[in-house]
């Protein structure tokens, strides 16, 4: 029996948190040129959306009665406090656009790395005003929009891949999937204060 795969159309939005929505708008819209395309205001919070491609946005919450502790770390550098999120990478069409963004960041007094060559993509790294680690990348070998060849060492270069990747390479599908559960209020870790 064949199951239909979801018809994904990219990322609708990634929701992040800011303590300063004004600075966030000025950075994402003003510096990065990501158009502010929607805002939601409700008692207790704001929720703003910035476009990074057709139907693809990065969104921010700002809570009115709560200041969230900031946490900043460089992209890809291990830190035991970074439990689930490391960084966000924005896609650019080519290396010329990557270099133009790098120059734009520098012209706006934003620290940015040199271009890093990852072989399949090239990237620059920087942070937003909230300390969120960001990356902008362009594919040198576009891994998207085609059927993956799990035997292609250029795109699948891990010499000792996890079992699921070995299953994909050998069978074309994973043999099992994990169960998950929703987090309920009772499951939250109590405040140590």
C-alpha atoms as a PDB file:
ATOM      1  CA  UNK A   1       0.000   0.000   0.000  1.00  0.00           C
ATOM      2  CA  UNK A   2       1.407   3.388  -1.000  1.00  0.00           C
ATOM      3  CA  UNK A   3       0.704   6.409   1.165  1.00  0.00           C
ATOM      4  CA  UNK A   4       0.566   9.857  -0.355  1.00  0.00           C
ATOM      5  CA  UNK A   5       3.271  12.149   0.963  1.00  0.00           C
ATOM      6  CA  UNK A   6       2.229  15.585   2.262  1.00  0.00           C
ATOM      7  CA  UNK A   7       2.476  18.209  -0.470  1.00  0.00           C
ATOM      8  CA  UNK A   8       4.830  20.543   1.391  1.00  0.00           C
ATOM      9  CA  UNK A   9       5.199  24.073   0.023  1.00  0.00           C
ATOM     10  CA  UNK A  10       8.108  25.235   2.169  1.00  0.00           C
ATOM     11  CA  UNK A  11       7.992  26.708   5.654  1.00  0.00           C
ATOM     12  CA  UNK A  12       4.869  28.772   6.382  1.00  0.00           C
ATOM     13  CA  UNK A  13       6.563  30.441   9.330  1.00  0.00           C
ATOM     14  CA  UNK A  14       9.078  29.895  12.062  1.00  0.00           C
ATOM     15  CA  UNK A  15       7.908  31.595  15.250  1.00  0.00           C
ATOM     16  CA  UNK A  16      10.617  33.234  17.342  1.00  0.00           C
ATOM     17  CA  UNK A  17      10.469  35.576  20.347  1.00  0.00           C
ATOM     18  CA  UNK A  18      11.696  39.142  20.727  1.00  0.00           C
ATOM     19  CA  UNK A  19      11.642  41.599  23.623  1.00  0.00           C
ATOM     20  CA  UNK A  20      11.850  44.547  21.189  1.00  0.00           C
ATOM     21  CA  UNK A  21       9.498  44.324  18.209  1.00  0.00           C
ATOM     22  CA  UNK A  22      10.491  47.782  16.987  1.00  0.00           C
ATOM     23  CA  UNK A  23      14.172  46.782  16.693  1.00  0.00           C
ATOM     24  CA  UNK A  24      13.070  43.487  15.113  1.00  0.00           C
ATOM     25  CA  UNK A  25      11.061  45.309  12.412  1.00  0.00           C
ATOM     26  CA  UNK A  26      13.943  47.697  11.787  1.00  0.00           C
ATOM     27  CA  UNK A  27      16.397  44.788  11.365  1.00  0.00           C
ATOM     28  CA  UNK A  28      14.329  42.263   9.382  1.00  0.00           C
ATOM     29  CA  UNK A  29      12.502  44.806   7.195  1.00  0.00           C
ATOM     30  CA  UNK A  30      15.066  47.621   7.182  1.00  0.00           C
ATOM     31  CA  UNK A  31      18.396  45.753   7.072  1.00  0.00           C
ATOM     32  CA  UNK A  32      17.526  42.334   5.606  1.00  0.00           C
ATOM     33  CA  UNK A  33      14.815  43.675   3.284  1.00  0.00           C
ATOM     34  CA  UNK A  34      12.289  41.027   4.367  1.00  0.00           C
ATOM     35  CA  UNK A  35       8.923  42.717   3.876  1.00  0.00           C
ATOM     36  CA  UNK A  36       6.703  42.974   6.934  1.00  0.00           C
ATOM     37  CA  UNK A  37       3.583  41.278   5.521  1.00  0.00           C
ATOM     38  CA  UNK A  38       1.237  40.859   8.497  1.00  0.00           C
ATOM     39  CA  UNK A  39       0.794  41.878  12.108  1.00  0.00           C
ATOM     40  CA  UNK A  40      -1.462  40.463  14.803  1.00  0.00           C
ATOM     41  CA  UNK A  41      -2.062  42.367  18.004  1.00  0.00           C
ATOM     42  CA  UNK A  42      -3.974  40.837  20.895  1.00  0.00           C
ATOM     43  CA  UNK A  43      -4.132  41.445  24.622  1.00  0.00           C
ATOM     44  CA  UNK A  44      -0.817  40.212  25.940  1.00  0.00           C
ATOM     45  CA  UNK A  45       1.166  39.859  22.722  1.00  0.00           C
ATOM     46  CA  UNK A  46       2.075  40.973  19.218  1.00  0.00           C
ATOM     47  CA  UNK A  47       2.818  38.543  16.365  1.00  0.00           C
ATOM     48  CA  UNK A  48       4.549  39.973  13.232  1.00  0.00           C
ATOM     49  CA  UNK A  49       5.416  38.167   9.990  1.00  0.00           C
ATOM     50  CA  UNK A  50       8.300  38.874   7.568  1.00  0.00           C
ATOM     51  CA  UNK A  51       8.328  37.359   4.061  1.00  0.00           C
ATOM     52  CA  UNK A  52      11.341  35.343   2.889  1.00  0.00           C
ATOM     53  CA  UNK A  53       9.735  33.851  -0.190  1.00  0.00           C
ATOM     54  CA  UNK A  54       6.290  33.112  -1.575  1.00  0.00           C
ATOM     55  CA  UNK A  55       4.177  31.849   1.351  1.00  0.00           C
ATOM     56  CA  UNK A  56       7.290  31.599   3.580  1.00  0.00           C
ATOM     57  CA  UNK A  57       7.743  33.824   6.611  1.00  0.00           C
ATOM     58  CA  UNK A  58       9.651  34.240   9.838  1.00  0.00           C
ATOM     59  CA  UNK A  59       7.394  35.461  12.620  1.00  0.00           C
ATOM     60  CA  UNK A  60       8.057  36.993  16.016  1.00  0.00           C
ATOM     61  CA  UNK A  61       6.093  37.140  19.248  1.00  0.00           C
ATOM     62  CA  UNK A  62       6.551  40.031  21.653  1.00  0.00           C
ATOM     63  CA  UNK A  63       4.782  39.561  25.007  1.00  0.00           C
ATOM     64  CA  UNK A  64       3.519  42.725  26.699  1.00  0.00           C
ATOM     65  CA  UNK A  65       3.769  41.641  30.336  1.00  0.00           C
ATOM     66  CA  UNK A  66       6.766  39.326  30.118  1.00  0.00           C
ATOM     67  CA  UNK A  67      10.413  39.956  29.355  1.00  0.00           C
ATOM     68  CA  UNK A  68      12.012  36.783  28.056  1.00  0.00           C
ATOM     69  CA  UNK A  69      15.622  36.050  28.972  1.00  0.00           C
ATOM     70  CA  UNK A  70      17.801  36.384  25.901  1.00  0.00           C
ATOM     71  CA  UNK A  71      20.154  33.644  24.869  1.00  0.00           C
ATOM     72  CA  UNK A  72      22.761  34.248  22.202  1.00  0.00           C
ATOM     73  CA  UNK A  73      25.274  31.814  20.725  1.00  0.00           C
ATOM     74  CA  UNK A  74      27.118  31.528  17.425  1.00  0.00           C
ATOM     75  CA  UNK A  75      25.520  29.243  14.843  1.00  0.00           C
ATOM     76  CA  UNK A  76      26.769  25.681  14.950  1.00  0.00           C
ATOM     77  CA  UNK A  77      28.684  26.052  18.218  1.00  0.00           C
ATOM     78  CA  UNK A  78      27.528  23.501  20.809  1.00  0.00           C
ATOM     79  CA  UNK A  79      26.067  24.903  24.015  1.00  0.00           C
ATOM     80  CA  UNK A  80      24.196  22.789  26.589  1.00  0.00           C
ATOM     81  CA  UNK A  81      21.633  25.586  27.044  1.00  0.00           C
ATOM     82  CA  UNK A  82      20.544  25.410  23.369  1.00  0.00           C
ATOM     83  CA  UNK A  83      18.145  22.522  23.710  1.00  0.00           C
ATOM     84  CA  UNK A  84      16.296  22.541  20.387  1.00  0.00           C
ATOM     85  CA  UNK A  85      17.156  25.619  18.350  1.00  0.00           C
ATOM     86  CA  UNK A  86      20.577  26.377  16.911  1.00  0.00           C
ATOM     87  CA  UNK A  87      20.097  28.906  14.111  1.00  0.00           C
ATOM     88  CA  UNK A  88      17.885  29.904  11.195  1.00  0.00           C
ATOM     89  CA  UNK A  89      19.232  29.921   7.632  1.00  0.00           C
ATOM     90  CA  UNK A  90      17.645  32.005   4.881  1.00  0.00           C
ATOM     91  CA  UNK A  91      17.951  30.805   1.283  1.00  0.00           C
ATOM     92  CA  UNK A  92      19.395  33.072  -1.424  1.00  0.00           C
ATOM     93  CA  UNK A  93      19.441  32.327  -5.173  1.00  0.00           C
ATOM     94  CA  UNK A  94      23.202  32.529  -5.778  1.00  0.00           C
ATOM     95  CA  UNK A  95      26.615  33.582  -4.495  1.00  0.00           C
ATOM     96  CA  UNK A  96      26.226  37.093  -5.928  1.00  0.00           C
ATOM     97  CA  UNK A  97      23.127  37.646  -3.765  1.00  0.00           C
ATOM     98  CA  UNK A  98      25.017  36.220  -0.772  1.00  0.00           C
ATOM     99  CA  UNK A  99      27.856  38.714  -1.265  1.00  0.00           C
ATOM    100  CA  UNK A 100      25.357  41.565  -1.719  1.00  0.00           C
ATOM    101  CA  UNK A 101      23.651  40.675   1.570  1.00  0.00           C
ATOM    102  CA  UNK A 102      27.028  40.498   3.294  1.00  0.00           C
ATOM    103  CA  UNK A 103      27.846  44.011   2.033  1.00  0.00           C
ATOM    104  CA  UNK A 104      24.386  45.255   3.095  1.00  0.00           C
ATOM    105  CA  UNK A 105      24.896  43.890   6.616  1.00  0.00           C
ATOM    106  CA  UNK A 106      28.315  45.549   6.874  1.00  0.00           C
ATOM    107  CA  UNK A 107      26.909  48.851   5.543  1.00  0.00           C
ATOM    108  CA  UNK A 108      24.324  48.739   8.339  1.00  0.00           C
ATOM    109  CA  UNK A 109      27.005  48.130  11.026  1.00  0.00           C
ATOM    110  CA  UNK A 110      26.013  44.486  11.538  1.00  0.00           C
ATOM    111  CA  UNK A 111      28.797  42.006  12.261  1.00  0.00           C
ATOM    112  CA  UNK A 112      28.964  39.234   9.678  1.00  0.00           C
ATOM    113  CA  UNK A 113      31.406  36.424   8.866  1.00  0.00           C
ATOM    114  CA  UNK A 114      33.297  35.933   5.654  1.00  0.00           C
ATOM    115  CA  UNK A 115      31.640  33.551   3.175  1.00  0.00           C
ATOM    116  CA  UNK A 116      32.033  29.962   4.408  1.00  0.00           C
ATOM    117  CA  UNK A 117      32.295  27.220   1.765  1.00  0.00           C
ATOM    118  CA  UNK A 118      30.377  24.101   2.884  1.00  0.00           C
ATOM    119  CA  UNK A 119      30.882  22.493  -0.567  1.00  0.00           C
ATOM    120  CA  UNK A 120      27.166  21.913  -1.226  1.00  0.00           C
ATOM    121  CA  UNK A 121      26.335  25.466  -0.105  1.00  0.00           C
ATOM    122  CA  UNK A 122      28.020  28.745   0.778  1.00  0.00           C
ATOM    123  CA  UNK A 123      26.967  30.727   3.835  1.00  0.00           C
ATOM    124  CA  UNK A 124      27.449  33.822   5.939  1.00  0.00           C
ATOM    125  CA  UNK A 125      26.616  34.064   9.639  1.00  0.00           C
ATOM    126  CA  UNK A 126      25.263  36.986  11.665  1.00  0.00           C
ATOM    127  CA  UNK A 127      22.807  37.713  14.506  1.00  0.00           C
ATOM    128  CA  UNK A 128      19.629  39.713  14.876  1.00  0.00           C
ATOM    129  CA  UNK A 129      19.118  42.383  17.583  1.00  0.00           C
ATOM    130  CA  UNK A 130      17.756  39.700  19.966  1.00  0.00           C
ATOM    131  CA  UNK A 131      20.915  37.600  19.590  1.00  0.00           C
ATOM    132  CA  UNK A 132      19.263  34.930  17.406  1.00  0.00           C
ATOM    133  CA  UNK A 133      21.944  33.211  15.335  1.00  0.00           C
ATOM    134  CA  UNK A 134      21.211  33.617  11.622  1.00  0.00           C
ATOM    135  CA  UNK A 135      22.719  32.271   8.426  1.00  0.00           C
ATOM    136  CA  UNK A 136      22.132  33.123   4.780  1.00  0.00           C
ATOM    137  CA  UNK A 137      22.971  30.384   2.297  1.00  0.00           C
ATOM    138  CA  UNK A 138      22.940  29.597  -1.393  1.00  0.00           C
ATOM    139  CA  UNK A 139      23.084  26.079  -2.778  1.00  0.00           C
ATOM    140  CA  UNK A 140      26.120  25.240  -4.880  1.00  0.00           C
ATOM    141  CA  UNK A 141      24.608  21.785  -5.499  1.00  0.00           C
ATOM    142  CA  UNK A 142      20.851  22.165  -5.000  1.00  0.00           C
ATOM    143  CA  UNK A 143      19.628  19.192  -2.997  1.00  0.00           C
ATOM    144  CA  UNK A 144      15.973  20.206  -3.247  1.00  0.00           C
ATOM    145  CA  UNK A 145      13.232  19.664  -5.825  1.00  0.00           C
ATOM    146  CA  UNK A 146      14.401  16.258  -7.021  1.00  0.00           C
ATOM    147  CA  UNK A 147      14.293  12.652  -5.895  1.00  0.00           C
ATOM    148  CA  UNK A 148      17.196  12.143  -3.459  1.00  0.00           C
ATOM    149  CA  UNK A 149      20.000   9.731  -4.334  1.00  0.00           C
ATOM    150  CA  UNK A 150      21.044   8.490  -0.874  1.00  0.00           C
ATOM    151  CA  UNK A 151      24.157   6.941  -2.407  1.00  0.00           C
ATOM    152  CA  UNK A 152      25.420  10.340  -3.646  1.00  0.00           C
ATOM    153  CA  UNK A 153      28.438  11.045  -1.426  1.00  0.00           C
ATOM    154  CA  UNK A 154      28.392  14.742  -2.388  1.00  0.00           C
ATOM    155  CA  UNK A 155      25.001  15.307  -0.751  1.00  0.00           C
ATOM    156  CA  UNK A 156      25.026  12.434   1.729  1.00  0.00           C
ATOM    157  CA  UNK A 157      28.576  12.675   3.006  1.00  0.00           C
ATOM    158  CA  UNK A 158      28.216  11.311   6.543  1.00  0.00           C
ATOM    159  CA  UNK A 159      30.615   8.327   6.554  1.00  0.00           C
ATOM    160  CA  UNK A 160      28.745   6.752   9.487  1.00  0.00           C
ATOM    161  CA  UNK A 161      25.067   7.731   9.034  1.00  0.00           C
ATOM    162  CA  UNK A 162      22.309   6.956  11.514  1.00  0.00           C
ATOM    163  CA  UNK A 163      20.236   3.804  10.980  1.00  0.00           C
ATOM    164  CA  UNK A 164      17.364   5.700   9.318  1.00  0.00           C
ATOM    165  CA  UNK A 165      19.672   6.987   6.554  1.00  0.00           C
ATOM    166  CA  UNK A 166      21.053   3.497   5.997  1.00  0.00           C
ATOM    167  CA  UNK A 167      17.443   2.245   5.704  1.00  0.00           C
ATOM    168  CA  UNK A 168      16.640   4.971   3.172  1.00  0.00           C
ATOM    169  CA  UNK A 169      19.727   4.058   1.155  1.00  0.00           C
ATOM    170  CA  UNK A 170      18.955   0.321   1.243  1.00  0.00           C
ATOM    171  CA  UNK A 171      15.125   0.210   1.174  1.00  0.00           C
ATOM    172  CA  UNK A 172      13.964   3.637   0.018  1.00  0.00           C
ATOM    173  CA  UNK A 173      11.973   4.171   3.238  1.00  0.00           C
ATOM    174  CA  UNK A 174      12.476   4.131   7.007  1.00  0.00           C
ATOM    175  CA  UNK A 175      11.536   0.907   8.776  1.00  0.00           C
ATOM    176  CA  UNK A 176       9.909   2.613  11.761  1.00  0.00           C
ATOM    177  CA  UNK A 177       8.876   6.020  13.035  1.00  0.00           C
ATOM    178  CA  UNK A 178       8.890   7.405  16.596  1.00  0.00           C
ATOM    179  CA  UNK A 179       5.807   8.106  18.685  1.00  0.00           C
ATOM    180  CA  UNK A 180       5.369  11.621  20.045  1.00  0.00           C
ATOM    181  CA  UNK A 181       3.133  13.297  22.614  1.00  0.00           C
ATOM    182  CA  UNK A 182       1.869  16.767  23.335  1.00  0.00           C
ATOM    183  CA  UNK A 183       3.275  18.692  26.275  1.00  0.00           C
ATOM    184  CA  UNK A 184       0.575  19.510  28.796  1.00  0.00           C
ATOM    185  CA  UNK A 185       0.801  22.079  31.598  1.00  0.00           C
ATOM    186  CA  UNK A 186       1.473  19.307  34.120  1.00  0.00           C
ATOM    187  CA  UNK A 187       4.480  18.186  32.042  1.00  0.00           C
ATOM    188  CA  UNK A 188       6.207  21.590  32.242  1.00  0.00           C
ATOM    189  CA  UNK A 189       9.206  21.959  34.483  1.00  0.00           C
ATOM    190  CA  UNK A 190       8.270  23.980  37.597  1.00  0.00           C
ATOM    191  CA  UNK A 191       9.798  27.426  38.076  1.00  0.00           C
ATOM    192  CA  UNK A 192      12.821  27.063  40.415  1.00  0.00           C
ATOM    193  CA  UNK A 193      12.086  30.427  42.083  1.00  0.00           C
END
